[in-house]
Amino acid sequence: MTNHYQWLPDQLRSEPFGLDYATIAELCRCGHKIEERSPWGNANVIIVTPDNTLEGAADPRGEGSPRGF
């Protein structure tokens, strides 16, 4: 899920299902302009756990997958 706000254009861009209905309604009530856009971006991550093992994850929006060695 990605949400993005910038000063110009004055709008919040959100991926489908990026915000729940109640949040969207409240933001609109406060005067914010929200534009829903198709998904963009792709994030992948490797973390070091407390026991110093590595864990990886791939963003389901992309084509990647976690791999080990």
N, C-alpha and C. Protein backbone atom coordinates (compact mmCIF):
# COMPACT_ATOMS: atom_id res chain seq x y z
N MET A 1 0.84 -1.16 0.00
CA MET A 1 0.00 0.00 0.00
C MET A 1 0.89 1.23 0.00
N THR A 2 0.57 2.15 -0.84
CA THR A 2 1.32 3.39 -0.90
C THR A 2 0.36 4.56 -0.89
N ASN A 3 0.68 5.54 -0.09
CA ASN A 3 -0.03 6.81 -0.08
C ASN A 3 1.02 7.89 -0.24
N HIS A 4 0.67 8.95 -0.93
CA HIS A 4 1.63 10.02 -1.19
C HIS A 4 0.92 11.36 -1.13
N TYR A 5 1.53 12.32 -0.45
CA TYR A 5 1.01 13.68 -0.43
C TYR A 5 2.15 14.62 -0.77
N GLN A 6 1.85 15.59 -1.58
CA GLN A 6 2.81 16.65 -1.86
C GLN A 6 2.06 17.97 -1.95
N TRP A 7 2.79 19.05 -1.87
CA TRP A 7 2.18 20.37 -1.83
C TRP A 7 1.45 20.69 -3.14
N LEU A 8 2.12 20.52 -4.27
CA LEU A 8 1.48 20.78 -5.56
C LEU A 8 1.63 19.54 -6.44
N PRO A 9 0.60 18.98 -7.00
CA PRO A 9 -0.79 19.39 -6.80
C PRO A 9 -1.25 19.06 -5.39
N ASP A 10 -2.16 19.84 -4.90
CA ASP A 10 -2.65 19.69 -3.53
C ASP A 10 -3.64 18.54 -3.46
N GLN A 11 -3.12 17.33 -3.39
CA GLN A 11 -3.97 16.15 -3.33
C GLN A 11 -3.21 15.00 -2.68
N LEU A 12 -3.95 14.08 -2.15
CA LEU A 12 -3.40 12.85 -1.59
C LEU A 12 -3.64 11.76 -2.62
N ARG A 13 -2.58 11.10 -3.02
CA ARG A 13 -2.70 9.99 -3.97
C ARG A 13 -2.61 8.70 -3.20
N SER A 14 -3.53 7.80 -3.47
CA SER A 14 -3.60 6.55 -2.73
C SER A 14 -3.86 5.39 -3.68
N GLU A 15 -3.20 4.26 -3.40
CA GLU A 15 -3.49 3.06 -4.16
C GLU A 15 -4.85 2.51 -3.74
N PRO A 16 -5.50 1.73 -4.61
CA PRO A 16 -6.76 1.10 -4.21
C PRO A 16 -6.56 0.31 -2.91
N PHE A 17 -7.46 0.46 -2.01
CA PHE A 17 -7.43 -0.19 -0.69
C PHE A 17 -6.29 0.32 0.19
N GLY A 18 -5.68 1.46 -0.20
CA GLY A 18 -4.60 2.03 0.61
C GLY A 18 -5.10 2.69 1.88
N LEU A 19 -6.33 3.15 1.86
CA LEU A 19 -6.95 3.77 3.03
C LEU A 19 -8.34 3.17 3.20
N ASP A 20 -8.76 3.02 4.44
CA ASP A 20 -10.11 2.49 4.66
C ASP A 20 -11.14 3.59 4.42
N TYR A 21 -12.39 3.18 4.24
CA TYR A 21 -13.46 4.12 3.89
C TYR A 21 -13.62 5.22 4.93
N ALA A 22 -13.56 4.88 6.21
CA ALA A 22 -13.74 5.89 7.27
C ALA A 22 -12.65 6.96 7.20
N THR A 23 -11.41 6.54 6.92
CA THR A 23 -10.31 7.50 6.81
C THR A 23 -10.51 8.42 5.62
N ILE A 24 -10.87 7.83 4.47
CA ILE A 24 -11.13 8.64 3.27
C ILE A 24 -12.25 9.65 3.52
N ALA A 25 -13.32 9.18 4.13
CA ALA A 25 -14.46 10.07 4.42
C ALA A 25 -14.06 11.22 5.32
N GLU A 26 -13.27 10.94 6.34
CA GLU A 26 -12.84 11.99 7.27
C GLU A 26 -11.89 12.98 6.60
N LEU A 27 -10.98 12.47 5.78
CA LEU A 27 -10.07 13.36 5.06
C LEU A 27 -10.85 14.27 4.09
N CYS A 28 -11.83 13.70 3.38
CA CYS A 28 -12.66 14.50 2.48
C CYS A 28 -13.46 15.53 3.25
N ARG A 29 -14.00 15.14 4.41
CA ARG A 29 -14.77 16.07 5.24
C ARG A 29 -13.91 17.25 5.67
N CYS A 30 -12.62 17.00 5.87
CA CYS A 30 -11.69 18.06 6.27
C CYS A 30 -11.20 18.88 5.08
N GLY A 31 -11.66 18.56 3.87
CA GLY A 31 -11.31 19.34 2.69
C GLY A 31 -10.17 18.80 1.86
N HIS A 32 -9.67 17.63 2.17
CA HIS A 32 -8.58 17.06 1.38
C HIS A 32 -9.12 16.47 0.08
N LYS A 33 -8.33 16.60 -0.97
CA LYS A 33 -8.66 16.00 -2.26
C LYS A 33 -7.89 14.68 -2.36
N ILE A 34 -8.59 13.61 -2.65
CA ILE A 34 -7.98 12.29 -2.71
C ILE A 34 -8.13 11.74 -4.11
N GLU A 35 -7.01 11.30 -4.69
CA GLU A 35 -7.03 10.69 -6.01
C GLU A 35 -6.56 9.25 -5.86
N GLU A 36 -7.41 8.31 -6.26
CA GLU A 36 -7.03 6.91 -6.23
C GLU A 36 -6.32 6.58 -7.54
N ARG A 37 -5.14 5.98 -7.44
CA ARG A 37 -4.35 5.63 -8.61
C ARG A 37 -3.99 4.16 -8.59
N SER A 38 -3.67 3.65 -9.74
CA SER A 38 -3.23 2.26 -9.80
C SER A 38 -1.94 2.11 -9.00
N PRO A 39 -1.65 0.91 -8.52
CA PRO A 39 -0.46 0.72 -7.70
C PRO A 39 0.83 1.18 -8.39
N TRP A 40 1.74 1.73 -7.61
CA TRP A 40 3.04 2.13 -8.11
C TRP A 40 4.08 1.76 -7.05
N GLY A 41 5.27 1.61 -7.48
CA GLY A 41 6.34 1.30 -6.54
C GLY A 41 6.41 -0.18 -6.22
N ASN A 42 7.48 -0.53 -5.55
CA ASN A 42 7.72 -1.92 -5.19
C ASN A 42 8.81 -1.90 -4.14
N ALA A 43 8.57 -2.46 -2.99
CA ALA A 43 9.55 -2.46 -1.90
C ALA A 43 9.93 -3.88 -1.54
N ASN A 44 11.19 -4.07 -1.22
CA ASN A 44 11.68 -5.35 -0.73
C ASN A 44 12.49 -5.07 0.53
N VAL A 45 12.59 -6.06 1.40
CA VAL A 45 13.25 -5.81 2.68
C VAL A 45 14.02 -7.04 3.15
N ILE A 46 15.12 -6.77 3.83
CA ILE A 46 15.86 -7.80 4.57
C ILE A 46 16.02 -7.26 5.98
N ILE A 47 15.63 -8.06 6.97
CA ILE A 47 15.81 -7.64 8.35
C ILE A 47 16.73 -8.62 9.08
N VAL A 48 17.41 -8.10 10.09
CA VAL A 48 18.21 -8.93 10.98
C VAL A 48 17.40 -9.10 12.25
N THR A 49 17.06 -10.33 12.57
CA THR A 49 16.24 -10.62 13.75
C THR A 49 17.10 -10.54 15.02
N PRO A 50 16.47 -10.52 16.20
CA PRO A 50 17.24 -10.45 17.44
C PRO A 50 18.27 -11.58 17.60
N ASP A 51 18.03 -12.74 16.97
CA ASP A 51 19.01 -13.83 17.08
C ASP A 51 19.99 -13.82 15.89
N ASN A 52 20.07 -12.69 15.19
CA ASN A 52 21.01 -12.45 14.08
C ASN A 52 20.77 -13.31 12.85
N THR A 53 19.57 -13.85 12.68
CA THR A 53 19.25 -14.50 11.41
C THR A 53 18.65 -13.44 10.49
N LEU A 54 18.66 -13.72 9.21
CA LEU A 54 18.12 -12.79 8.23
C LEU A 54 16.76 -13.27 7.75
N GLU A 55 15.85 -12.33 7.56
CA GLU A 55 14.54 -12.63 6.98
C GLU A 55 14.30 -11.65 5.85
N GLY A 56 13.73 -12.15 4.77
CA GLY A 56 13.45 -11.30 3.62
C GLY A 56 11.98 -11.35 3.25
N ALA A 57 11.52 -10.30 2.62
CA ALA A 57 10.14 -10.24 2.15
C ALA A 57 10.10 -9.43 0.86
N ALA A 58 9.21 -9.81 -0.04
CA ALA A 58 9.02 -9.09 -1.30
C ALA A 58 7.63 -8.50 -1.33
N ASP A 59 7.53 -7.32 -1.87
CA ASP A 59 6.26 -6.62 -2.00
C ASP A 59 5.34 -7.42 -2.93
N PRO A 60 4.12 -7.74 -2.50
CA PRO A 60 3.23 -8.53 -3.36
C PRO A 60 2.79 -7.78 -4.62
N ARG A 61 3.03 -6.47 -4.69
CA ARG A 61 2.67 -5.72 -5.88
C ARG A 61 3.66 -5.92 -7.01
N GLY A 62 4.83 -6.48 -6.72
CA GLY A 62 5.87 -6.65 -7.73
C GLY A 62 6.06 -8.09 -8.12
N GLU A 63 7.15 -8.32 -8.83
CA GLU A 63 7.44 -9.66 -9.33
C GLU A 63 8.48 -10.38 -8.48
N GLY A 64 9.01 -9.75 -7.45
CA GLY A 64 10.07 -10.34 -6.66
C GLY A 64 9.58 -11.42 -5.72
N SER A 65 10.53 -12.14 -5.16
CA SER A 65 10.23 -13.13 -4.14
C SER A 65 11.46 -13.25 -3.24
N PRO A 66 11.25 -13.51 -1.94
CA PRO A 66 12.41 -13.64 -1.05
C PRO A 66 13.16 -14.93 -1.36
N ARG A 67 14.47 -14.87 -1.30
CA ARG A 67 15.32 -16.03 -1.55
C ARG A 67 16.35 -16.13 -0.43
N GLY A 68 16.84 -17.31 -0.19
CA GLY A 68 17.87 -17.50 0.82
C GLY A 68 19.10 -18.13 0.22
N PHE A 69 20.17 -18.15 1.01
CA PHE A 69 21.40 -18.81 0.56
C PHE A 69 22.02 -19.57 1.71
